[in-house]
Amino acid sequence: MANLIARSACAGLLPVTIGSVTLSEVRIDQMASVAPFKGKEAMVSEALKAACGIAFPAPNRTTSKGAARAVWAGQGRANVIGCDLPDLSGMAAVTDQADGVAAVKIEGDGAEAALARLVPLDLRAATFKRGHTARSLVNHMTASISRLGPKSFEIMVMRSMAQTLVHELTEAAEGVAARG
């Protein structure tokens, strides 16, 4: 019988620094997709506040407290990360997503410029502030992009796209570094 070894999505790929940009893996051990049933949105938000200290996020936003986060993931849906969910039976559809994603943090002075080469959105700090999130493309991959701070972002893609994401971000960062 084979011995399986648990590996993170970006094992052996990260961390890496190119010029002023650093790419590192964000380990996500707990993540669930939460989709409140019609008319139950406020109840779900209250349950999340009581259990995790976070509200269900508004569209294109992230709520957080400590390690707990709720990241908007599309109409009527959010990914709740880093907390034990309360019982949402009868209030929401809940599915475990922790093993299905790869998350990469891109940070540094050239992070915005690198992402500008890959993402068809204006991610400049004046427009896309801390706590903002968007579903968009990173080159050809569907992704969730969240601003974590003045010079840092988190990008989540399907786990099967981890190597491609790291490759694309590395190439973009190399292009930015070459200009400097």
Protein backbone atom coordinates (compact mmCIF):
# COMPACT_ATOMS: atom_id res chain seq x y z
CA MET A 1 0.00 0.00 0.00
CA ALA A 2 1.25 3.50 -0.83
CA ASN A 3 2.23 5.90 1.91
CA LEU A 4 0.68 9.27 1.18
CA ILE A 5 2.47 12.40 2.29
CA ALA A 6 0.44 15.53 2.90
CA ARG A 7 1.95 18.50 1.05
CA SER A 8 0.82 22.06 0.77
CA ALA A 9 -0.22 23.31 -2.67
CA CYS A 10 2.95 25.38 -3.12
CA ALA A 11 5.42 22.99 -1.46
CA GLY A 12 8.83 23.36 -3.08
CA LEU A 13 7.74 26.41 -5.08
CA LEU A 14 7.79 29.18 -2.48
CA PRO A 15 9.02 31.41 -0.92
CA VAL A 16 10.85 33.38 -3.58
CA THR A 17 12.00 36.99 -3.83
CA ILE A 18 12.48 38.75 -7.18
CA GLY A 19 13.69 42.32 -6.94
CA SER A 20 11.30 44.12 -4.58
CA VAL A 21 8.60 41.43 -4.76
CA THR A 22 8.29 38.48 -2.39
CA LEU A 23 5.98 35.53 -3.03
CA SER A 24 5.07 33.27 -0.14
CA GLU A 25 2.51 30.58 0.47
CA VAL A 26 -0.46 31.30 2.69
CA ARG A 27 -1.32 28.08 4.51
CA ILE A 28 -5.06 27.59 4.75
CA ASP A 29 -5.96 24.76 7.09
CA GLN A 30 -9.61 25.73 7.57
CA MET A 31 -11.81 27.11 4.81
CA ALA A 32 -15.47 26.61 4.07
CA SER A 33 -17.69 28.05 1.39
CA VAL A 34 -20.78 29.52 3.06
CA ALA A 35 -23.85 30.38 0.97
CA PRO A 36 -26.75 31.66 3.08
CA PHE A 37 -30.21 30.49 2.09
CA LYS A 38 -32.64 33.15 0.85
CA GLY A 39 -33.72 35.37 3.73
CA LYS A 40 -31.10 33.90 6.13
CA GLU A 41 -28.22 36.28 5.37
CA ALA A 42 -28.57 38.29 8.60
CA MET A 43 -28.85 35.11 10.70
CA VAL A 44 -25.68 33.71 9.14
CA SER A 45 -23.84 36.98 9.71
CA GLU A 46 -24.91 37.05 13.38
CA ALA A 47 -23.87 33.42 13.86
CA LEU A 48 -20.43 34.16 12.33
CA LYS A 49 -20.03 37.23 14.58
CA ALA A 50 -20.87 35.20 17.68
CA ALA A 51 -18.59 32.27 16.81
CA CYS A 52 -15.71 33.89 14.92
CA GLY A 53 -15.98 37.65 15.52
CA ILE A 54 -16.55 38.35 11.81
CA ALA A 55 -19.59 39.35 9.80
CA PHE A 56 -20.60 37.89 6.46
CA PRO A 57 -18.85 40.21 3.97
CA ALA A 58 -20.47 42.67 1.60
CA PRO A 59 -19.78 42.16 -2.11
CA ASN A 60 -16.09 42.68 -3.00
CA ARG A 61 -15.06 42.91 0.65
CA THR A 62 -13.31 40.88 3.32
CA THR A 63 -14.03 40.93 7.03
CA SER A 64 -11.45 39.78 9.54
CA LYS A 65 -10.59 39.49 13.20
CA GLY A 66 -7.37 37.81 14.22
CA ALA A 67 -6.88 34.67 12.12
CA ALA A 68 -10.57 34.51 11.16
CA ARG A 69 -11.58 35.93 7.79
CA ALA A 70 -14.62 35.92 5.55
CA VAL A 71 -13.73 36.61 1.91
CA TRP A 72 -16.48 37.45 -0.56
CA ALA A 73 -16.48 34.75 -3.23
CA GLY A 74 -19.36 35.69 -5.52
CA GLN A 75 -23.04 36.51 -5.32
CA GLY A 76 -24.38 35.26 -2.00
CA ARG A 77 -21.23 33.32 -1.11
CA ALA A 78 -18.14 33.77 1.03
CA ASN A 79 -15.14 31.68 2.01
CA VAL A 80 -14.76 31.60 5.78
CA ILE A 81 -11.14 30.97 6.73
CA GLY A 82 -9.36 30.25 9.99
CA CYS A 83 -12.22 29.63 12.41
CA ASP A 84 -14.50 26.84 13.54
CA LEU A 85 -17.88 27.48 11.96
CA PRO A 86 -20.98 27.48 14.10
CA ASP A 87 -23.81 25.12 13.19
CA LEU A 88 -25.39 26.77 10.15
CA SER A 89 -27.92 23.97 9.53
CA GLY A 90 -31.06 25.40 7.98
CA MET A 91 -29.34 28.75 7.39
CA ALA A 92 -26.67 28.11 4.75
CA ALA A 93 -25.08 25.63 2.41
CA VAL A 94 -21.58 24.88 3.72
CA THR A 95 -18.81 22.98 1.93
CA ASP A 96 -15.24 22.38 3.03
CA GLN A 97 -12.74 23.99 0.63
CA ALA A 98 -9.45 23.89 2.57
CA ASP A 99 -7.76 21.21 0.47
CA GLY A 100 -8.96 22.68 -2.81
CA VAL A 101 -7.15 26.01 -2.90
CA ALA A 102 -3.67 27.42 -3.28
CA ALA A 103 -3.08 30.83 -1.72
CA VAL A 104 -0.09 33.04 -2.44
CA LYS A 105 0.86 36.31 -0.79
CA ILE A 106 2.58 38.80 -3.09
CA GLU A 107 4.14 41.77 -1.36
CA GLY A 108 6.68 44.51 -1.78
CA ASP A 109 7.17 47.75 -3.68
CA GLY A 110 6.65 46.05 -7.05
CA ALA A 111 3.59 43.96 -6.13
CA GLU A 112 1.05 46.29 -7.76
CA ALA A 113 3.17 46.61 -10.91
CA ALA A 114 3.57 42.83 -11.16
CA LEU A 115 -0.15 42.26 -10.76
CA ALA A 116 -0.90 44.99 -13.32
CA ARG A 117 0.75 42.73 -15.90
CA LEU A 118 -1.65 39.86 -15.13
CA VAL A 119 -4.92 41.21 -13.72
CA PRO A 120 -7.49 43.23 -15.72
CA LEU A 121 -8.46 45.34 -12.69
CA ASP A 122 -7.18 48.58 -11.20
CA LEU A 123 -5.48 47.29 -8.04
CA ARG A 124 -3.81 50.56 -7.09
CA ALA A 125 -4.16 51.45 -3.40
CA ALA A 126 -6.34 54.49 -4.13
CA THR A 127 -8.95 52.27 -5.79
CA PHE A 128 -8.50 48.80 -4.31
CA LYS A 129 -8.06 49.38 -0.58
CA ARG A 130 -7.20 47.04 2.30
CA GLY A 131 -10.15 44.72 2.85
CA HIS A 132 -11.24 44.84 -0.79
CA THR A 133 -11.47 41.58 -2.70
CA ALA A 134 -12.41 40.66 -6.25
CA ARG A 135 -13.03 37.61 -8.36
CA SER A 136 -11.06 38.10 -11.55
CA LEU A 137 -8.45 36.59 -13.79
CA VAL A 138 -4.75 36.28 -13.10
CA ASN A 139 -3.67 35.88 -16.71
CA HIS A 140 -5.92 32.94 -17.68
CA MET A 141 -6.77 31.61 -14.18
CA THR A 142 -9.90 32.47 -12.22
CA ALA A 143 -8.80 33.80 -8.85
CA SER A 144 -9.78 35.62 -5.70
CA ILE A 145 -7.59 38.67 -5.15
CA SER A 146 -7.61 40.47 -1.80
CA ARG A 147 -5.58 43.46 -0.63
CA LEU A 148 -3.99 42.68 2.73
CA GLY A 149 -2.04 45.90 3.23
CA PRO A 150 -0.43 48.87 1.44
CA LYS A 151 1.93 46.64 -0.56
CA SER A 152 0.52 43.15 -0.15
CA PHE A 153 -2.14 40.96 -1.74
CA GLU A 154 -3.42 37.43 -1.35
CA ILE A 155 -4.30 35.45 -4.44
CA MET A 156 -6.30 32.22 -4.22
CA VAL A 157 -6.74 29.79 -7.11
CA MET A 158 -7.77 26.17 -7.43
CA ARG A 159 -5.08 23.91 -5.98
CA SER A 160 -4.39 22.37 -9.39
CA MET A 161 -3.27 25.81 -10.61
CA ALA A 162 -0.65 26.41 -7.88
CA GLN A 163 2.40 25.83 -10.06
CA THR A 164 0.96 27.93 -12.89
CA LEU A 165 0.14 30.79 -10.49
CA VAL A 166 3.66 30.81 -9.05
CA HIS A 167 5.12 30.71 -12.58
CA GLU A 168 2.96 33.62 -13.79
CA LEU A 169 3.65 35.76 -10.69
CA THR A 170 7.38 35.01 -10.91
CA GLU A 171 7.53 36.04 -14.58
CA ALA A 172 5.61 39.25 -13.86
CA ALA A 173 7.90 40.09 -10.93
CA GLU A 174 10.96 39.42 -13.10
CA GLY A 175 9.60 41.85 -15.69
CA VAL A 176 9.09 44.51 -13.03
CA ALA A 177 12.58 43.90 -11.59
CA ALA A 178 14.15 44.17 -15.06
CA ARG A 179 12.72 47.66 -15.48
CA GLY A 180 14.34 48.79 -12.20
